[in-house]
Amino acid sequence: MKGDALLIGLLFSGIAGYLQYRNLKKNRGPGIVPRVDEEFRQVRFDASDPRLAFDGRTARVVHEWREYADRYQTELIRITRYARNPHGEYFYFMSEGKGNPLFRHISQAAAQAALGKKYVAPPHTA
């Protein structure tokens, strides 16, 4: 009798686990990555000083990290990027893929502090 109860419990646990896995897989879809990539490519900032101009199509992503909702990394909620323009100026970009990214120019000191060994000084200050 105890063996039967154990088998039935294992069977139900297995079925519940499979259904949850299938539901997670079905609901994930492509996620936010394609939307964030498109938002990044669409960022354009024209400035009177060309060193401060930014074009997401030509900028070089220096560092990117992804923030997940859980420790199993099944639900991506935010992507943050540090990018450089051709003049060596750094920019901060953060998006949740909802069409309203945070974007701003950051100082060389802030970029150096955030990027550590990945930081490269711009040509006009080297």
C-alpha atoms as a PDB file:
ATOM      1  CA  MET A   1       0.000   0.000   0.000  1.00  0.00           C
ATOM      2  CA  LYS A   2       2.806   2.441   0.895  1.00  0.00           C
ATOM      3  CA  GLY A   3       4.581   1.581  -2.354  1.00  0.00           C
ATOM      4  CA  ASP A   4       1.453   2.350  -4.385  1.00  0.00           C
ATOM      5  CA  ALA A   5       1.000   5.716  -2.667  1.00  0.00           C
ATOM      6  CA  LEU A   6       4.635   6.571  -3.340  1.00  0.00           C
ATOM      7  CA  LEU A   7       4.309   5.675  -7.015  1.00  0.00           C
ATOM      8  CA  ILE A   8       1.116   7.696  -7.366  1.00  0.00           C
ATOM      9  CA  GLY A   9       2.782  10.666  -5.647  1.00  0.00           C
ATOM     10  CA  LEU A  10       5.801  10.450  -7.950  1.00  0.00           C
ATOM     11  CA  LEU A  11       3.545  10.166 -10.986  1.00  0.00           C
ATOM     12  CA  PHE A  12       1.542  13.266 -10.025  1.00  0.00           C
ATOM     13  CA  SER A  13       4.727  15.198  -9.240  1.00  0.00           C
ATOM     14  CA  GLY A  14       6.166  14.275 -12.609  1.00  0.00           C
ATOM     15  CA  ILE A  15       3.026  15.295 -14.447  1.00  0.00           C
ATOM     16  CA  ALA A  16       2.812  18.605 -12.559  1.00  0.00           C
ATOM     17  CA  GLY A  17       6.477  19.335 -13.258  1.00  0.00           C
ATOM     18  CA  TYR A  18       6.093  18.562 -16.947  1.00  0.00           C
ATOM     19  CA  LEU A  19       2.999  20.750 -17.273  1.00  0.00           C
ATOM     20  CA  GLN A  20       4.772  23.645 -15.577  1.00  0.00           C
ATOM     21  CA  TYR A  21       7.811  23.218 -17.849  1.00  0.00           C
ATOM     22  CA  ARG A  22       5.605  23.104 -20.939  1.00  0.00           C
ATOM     23  CA  ASN A  23       3.702  26.203 -19.802  1.00  0.00           C
ATOM     24  CA  LEU A  24       6.929  28.108 -19.136  1.00  0.00           C
ATOM     25  CA  LYS A  25       8.353  27.157 -22.508  1.00  0.00           C
ATOM     26  CA  LYS A  26       5.141  28.122 -24.325  1.00  0.00           C
ATOM     27  CA  ASN A  27       4.807  31.512 -22.609  1.00  0.00           C
ATOM     28  CA  ARG A  28       8.419  32.604 -23.002  1.00  0.00           C
ATOM     29  CA  GLY A  29       8.266  33.203 -26.742  1.00  0.00           C
ATOM     30  CA  PRO A  30      11.144  35.164 -28.237  1.00  0.00           C
ATOM     31  CA  GLY A  31      11.354  37.319 -25.106  1.00  0.00           C
ATOM     32  CA  ILE A  32      12.461  40.903 -24.941  1.00  0.00           C
ATOM     33  CA  VAL A  33      15.826  40.558 -26.721  1.00  0.00           C
ATOM     34  CA  PRO A  34      14.570  41.343 -30.261  1.00  0.00           C
ATOM     35  CA  ARG A  35      12.587  44.341 -28.975  1.00  0.00           C
ATOM     36  CA  VAL A  36      15.556  45.676 -26.996  1.00  0.00           C
ATOM     37  CA  ASP A  37      17.870  45.207 -29.993  1.00  0.00           C
ATOM     38  CA  GLU A  38      15.454  47.171 -32.169  1.00  0.00           C
ATOM     39  CA  GLU A  39      15.115  49.938 -29.567  1.00  0.00           C
ATOM     40  CA  PHE A  40      18.912  50.189 -29.345  1.00  0.00           C
ATOM     41  CA  ARG A  41      19.292  50.414 -33.147  1.00  0.00           C
ATOM     42  CA  GLN A  42      16.656  53.165 -33.260  1.00  0.00           C
ATOM     43  CA  VAL A  43      18.409  55.424 -30.748  1.00  0.00           C
ATOM     44  CA  ARG A  44      19.791  58.501 -32.524  1.00  0.00           C
ATOM     45  CA  PHE A  45      21.103  61.588 -30.820  1.00  0.00           C
ATOM     46  CA  ASP A  46      22.408  64.529 -32.822  1.00  0.00           C
ATOM     47  CA  ALA A  47      24.496  67.005 -30.879  1.00  0.00           C
ATOM     48  CA  SER A  48      26.164  70.273 -31.759  1.00  0.00           C
ATOM     49  CA  ASP A  49      29.426  68.636 -30.706  1.00  0.00           C
ATOM     50  CA  PRO A  50      29.852  65.600 -33.007  1.00  0.00           C
ATOM     51  CA  ARG A  51      31.744  63.750 -30.265  1.00  0.00           C
ATOM     52  CA  LEU A  52      28.496  63.555 -28.288  1.00  0.00           C
ATOM     53  CA  ALA A  53      26.371  62.273 -31.184  1.00  0.00           C
ATOM     54  CA  PHE A  54      25.073  58.713 -31.043  1.00  0.00           C
ATOM     55  CA  ASP A  55      23.645  56.298 -33.584  1.00  0.00           C
ATOM     56  CA  GLY A  56      22.562  52.885 -32.299  1.00  0.00           C
ATOM     57  CA  ARG A  57      23.172  51.330 -35.715  1.00  0.00           C
ATOM     58  CA  THR A  58      26.891  52.095 -35.628  1.00  0.00           C
ATOM     59  CA  ALA A  59      27.693  52.230 -31.909  1.00  0.00           C
ATOM     60  CA  ARG A  60      29.882  49.522 -30.414  1.00  0.00           C
ATOM     61  CA  VAL A  61      28.428  47.714 -27.395  1.00  0.00           C
ATOM     62  CA  VAL A  62      31.269  47.489 -24.887  1.00  0.00           C
ATOM     63  CA  HIS A  63      29.412  45.675 -22.129  1.00  0.00           C
ATOM     64  CA  GLU A  64      25.960  44.151 -21.776  1.00  0.00           C
ATOM     65  CA  TRP A  65      24.284  42.410 -18.906  1.00  0.00           C
ATOM     66  CA  ARG A  66      20.889  40.851 -18.521  1.00  0.00           C
ATOM     67  CA  GLU A  67      18.722  40.920 -15.443  1.00  0.00           C
ATOM     68  CA  TYR A  68      16.367  38.026 -14.778  1.00  0.00           C
ATOM     69  CA  ALA A  69      13.271  37.769 -12.601  1.00  0.00           C
ATOM     70  CA  ASP A  70      14.386  34.510 -11.044  1.00  0.00           C
ATOM     71  CA  ARG A  71      17.551  32.647 -10.173  1.00  0.00           C
ATOM     72  CA  TYR A  72      16.923  30.049 -12.900  1.00  0.00           C
ATOM     73  CA  GLN A  73      17.171  32.751 -15.567  1.00  0.00           C
ATOM     74  CA  THR A  74      13.912  31.808 -17.229  1.00  0.00           C
ATOM     75  CA  GLU A  75      12.379  35.289 -17.409  1.00  0.00           C
ATOM     76  CA  LEU A  76      14.530  38.105 -18.748  1.00  0.00           C
ATOM     77  CA  ILE A  77      13.258  41.461 -17.498  1.00  0.00           C
ATOM     78  CA  ARG A  78      15.928  44.029 -18.393  1.00  0.00           C
ATOM     79  CA  ILE A  79      18.977  44.513 -20.600  1.00  0.00           C
ATOM     80  CA  THR A  80      21.609  47.138 -19.821  1.00  0.00           C
ATOM     81  CA  ARG A  81      24.335  48.200 -22.252  1.00  0.00           C
ATOM     82  CA  TYR A  82      27.336  50.473 -22.239  1.00  0.00           C
ATOM     83  CA  ALA A  83      28.190  51.571 -25.765  1.00  0.00           C
ATOM     84  CA  ARG A  84      30.805  53.759 -27.469  1.00  0.00           C
ATOM     85  CA  ASN A  85      30.401  56.025 -30.442  1.00  0.00           C
ATOM     86  CA  PRO A  86      33.192  56.385 -33.057  1.00  0.00           C
ATOM     87  CA  HIS A  87      34.646  59.341 -31.087  1.00  0.00           C
ATOM     88  CA  GLY A  88      35.155  57.217 -27.969  1.00  0.00           C
ATOM     89  CA  GLU A  89      32.350  58.730 -25.923  1.00  0.00           C
ATOM     90  CA  TYR A  90      30.317  56.371 -23.735  1.00  0.00           C
ATOM     91  CA  PHE A  91      26.568  55.998 -23.436  1.00  0.00           C
ATOM     92  CA  TYR A  92      24.310  54.090 -21.060  1.00  0.00           C
ATOM     93  CA  PHE A  93      21.261  52.241 -22.386  1.00  0.00           C
ATOM     94  CA  MET A  94      18.741  50.256 -20.341  1.00  0.00           C
ATOM     95  CA  SER A  95      15.503  48.717 -21.576  1.00  0.00           C
ATOM     96  CA  GLU A  96      12.761  46.318 -20.555  1.00  0.00           C
ATOM     97  CA  GLY A  97      11.632  45.993 -24.172  1.00  0.00           C
ATOM     98  CA  LYS A  98       8.518  48.112 -23.650  1.00  0.00           C
ATOM     99  CA  GLY A  99       9.426  50.982 -25.962  1.00  0.00           C
ATOM    100  CA  ASN A 100      10.729  53.521 -23.466  1.00  0.00           C
ATOM    101  CA  PRO A 101      14.450  52.847 -22.924  1.00  0.00           C
ATOM    102  CA  LEU A 102      16.672  54.873 -20.621  1.00  0.00           C
ATOM    103  CA  PHE A 103      19.507  56.398 -22.619  1.00  0.00           C
ATOM    104  CA  ARG A 104      22.140  58.968 -21.690  1.00  0.00           C
ATOM    105  CA  HIS A 105      25.696  60.071 -22.236  1.00  0.00           C
ATOM    106  CA  ILE A 106      28.029  59.271 -19.343  1.00  0.00           C
ATOM    107  CA  SER A 107      31.300  60.868 -18.357  1.00  0.00           C
ATOM    108  CA  GLN A 108      34.629  59.182 -19.002  1.00  0.00           C
ATOM    109  CA  ALA A 109      35.137  58.786 -15.248  1.00  0.00           C
ATOM    110  CA  ALA A 110      31.763  57.031 -14.854  1.00  0.00           C
ATOM    111  CA  ALA A 111      32.495  54.789 -17.839  1.00  0.00           C
ATOM    112  CA  GLN A 112      35.913  53.898 -16.439  1.00  0.00           C
ATOM    113  CA  ALA A 113      34.417  53.077 -13.037  1.00  0.00           C
ATOM    114  CA  ALA A 114      31.622  50.953 -14.546  1.00  0.00           C
ATOM    115  CA  LEU A 115      33.658  49.144 -17.186  1.00  0.00           C
ATOM    116  CA  GLY A 116      36.982  48.583 -15.460  1.00  0.00           C
ATOM    117  CA  LYS A 117      39.358  46.755 -17.835  1.00  0.00           C
ATOM    118  CA  LYS A 118      36.933  47.120 -20.743  1.00  0.00           C
ATOM    119  CA  TYR A 119      37.307  50.908 -20.648  1.00  0.00           C
ATOM    120  CA  VAL A 120      39.269  52.546 -23.466  1.00  0.00           C
ATOM    121  CA  ALA A 121      40.064  56.268 -23.324  1.00  0.00           C
ATOM    122  CA  PRO A 122      38.798  58.301 -26.291  1.00  0.00           C
ATOM    123  CA  PRO A 123      41.397  59.364 -28.874  1.00  0.00           C
ATOM    124  CA  HIS A 124      41.067  63.094 -28.085  1.00  0.00           C
ATOM    125  CA  THR A 125      42.216  62.570 -24.464  1.00  0.00           C
ATOM    126  CA  ALA A 126      44.824  59.875 -25.002  1.00  0.00           C
END
